[in-house]
Structures are given as C-alpha cells and as structure tokens.
Protein backbone atom coordinates (compact mmCIF):
# COMPACT_ATOMS: atom_id res chain seq x y z
CA MET A 1 0.09 0.01 -0.15
CA SER A 2 1.25 3.10 0.36
CA GLU A 3 4.68 4.57 2.84
CA PRO A 4 3.31 7.47 4.87
CA ASN A 5 5.46 10.53 4.59
CA PRO A 6 8.45 10.46 7.22
CA SER A 7 7.39 13.17 9.38
CA PRO A 8 5.07 15.76 7.23
CA SER A 9 5.59 18.72 10.56
CA ALA A 10 9.33 18.20 10.29
CA GLU A 11 9.70 19.52 6.63
CA GLU A 12 7.71 22.01 7.50
CA ASP A 13 9.09 22.88 10.05
CA ASP A 14 12.03 23.12 8.01
CA VAL A 15 10.39 25.41 5.50
CA LYS A 16 9.63 27.45 8.05
CA ARG A 17 13.29 27.32 9.15
CA LYS A 18 14.30 28.40 5.90
CA PHE A 19 12.52 31.71 5.50
CA ARG A 20 12.41 32.60 8.90
CA GLU A 21 16.48 32.67 8.66
CA ALA A 22 16.04 34.81 5.55
CA LEU A 23 13.45 37.26 6.62
CA GLU A 24 16.14 37.80 9.81
CA ARG A 25 18.79 38.10 6.47
CA LYS A 26 16.98 40.69 4.64
CA GLN A 27 16.17 43.11 7.82
CA ALA A 28 19.70 42.50 9.27
CA HIS A 29 20.79 43.61 5.36
CA ALA A 30 17.95 46.78 4.85
CA ARG A 31 19.03 48.19 9.50
CA SER A 32 23.31 48.28 7.88
CA GLY A 33 22.45 50.11 5.21
CA SER A 34 22.19 54.30 5.42
CA SER A 35 18.41 55.30 6.03
CA HIS A 36 18.25 58.90 5.15
CA GLU A 37 17.62 59.90 8.27
CA THR A 38 19.58 62.74 8.83
CA GLY A 39 19.80 63.89 5.00
CA GLY A 40 17.75 66.99 4.29
CA GLY A 41 19.47 69.73 1.99
CA LYS A 42 15.82 70.16 0.11
CA ASN A 43 13.90 73.42 0.72
CA GLN A 44 10.51 72.50 2.82
CA HIS A 45 9.46 75.94 2.14
CA ALA A 46 10.08 76.45 -0.96
CA HIS A 47 7.50 79.34 -2.42
CA GLY A 48 7.25 80.86 1.13
CA PRO A 49 4.16 81.43 2.67
CA ALA A 50 1.14 80.56 2.23
CA ALA A 51 -0.34 84.17 3.11
CA ASN A 52 2.11 85.87 0.63
CA LYS A 53 0.38 83.55 -2.22
CA ARG A 54 -0.92 85.78 -5.97
CA THR A 55 -4.20 86.14 -5.39
CA PHE A 56 -6.28 86.45 -9.42
CA ARG A 57 -8.49 88.84 -9.80
CA ARG A 58 -10.87 89.37 -12.66
CA LYS A 59 -10.71 91.77 -15.49
CA SER A 60 -12.83 94.93 -14.84
CA GLY A 61 -13.16 96.43 -17.70
C-alpha cells in the first residue's frame, strides 16, 4: 500500500526555519544601510508662506 511520509511536520518546520532565517538576513541587511534620516538638503518651504500667495482677480474692463 502507500507508505506514510517520514514526518510532514518536520519538513514544514524546516521550510519555515529557512524562510525565517532568510527574512532575518534581509532585515539585517536593510538595517545596516543608510536610511537618509540625517540627509536634509531639500528646502521644505520653497515658495514662502501661504499668506504671500498671489491672488487672481477678474479683469474690470
């Protein structure tokens, strides 16, 4: 008849362990890189405050 698998749960645990190790390597690699937290350099308010925005009016004649 059919032979039972040696231990399907052991195979699943092995696969899960491999995926977990790969995920940990990936996360460790991402943490080691620069995250641009101290970068700056871009001007946050390039066009000045909103109160000085130009107003448009209809032509009167």
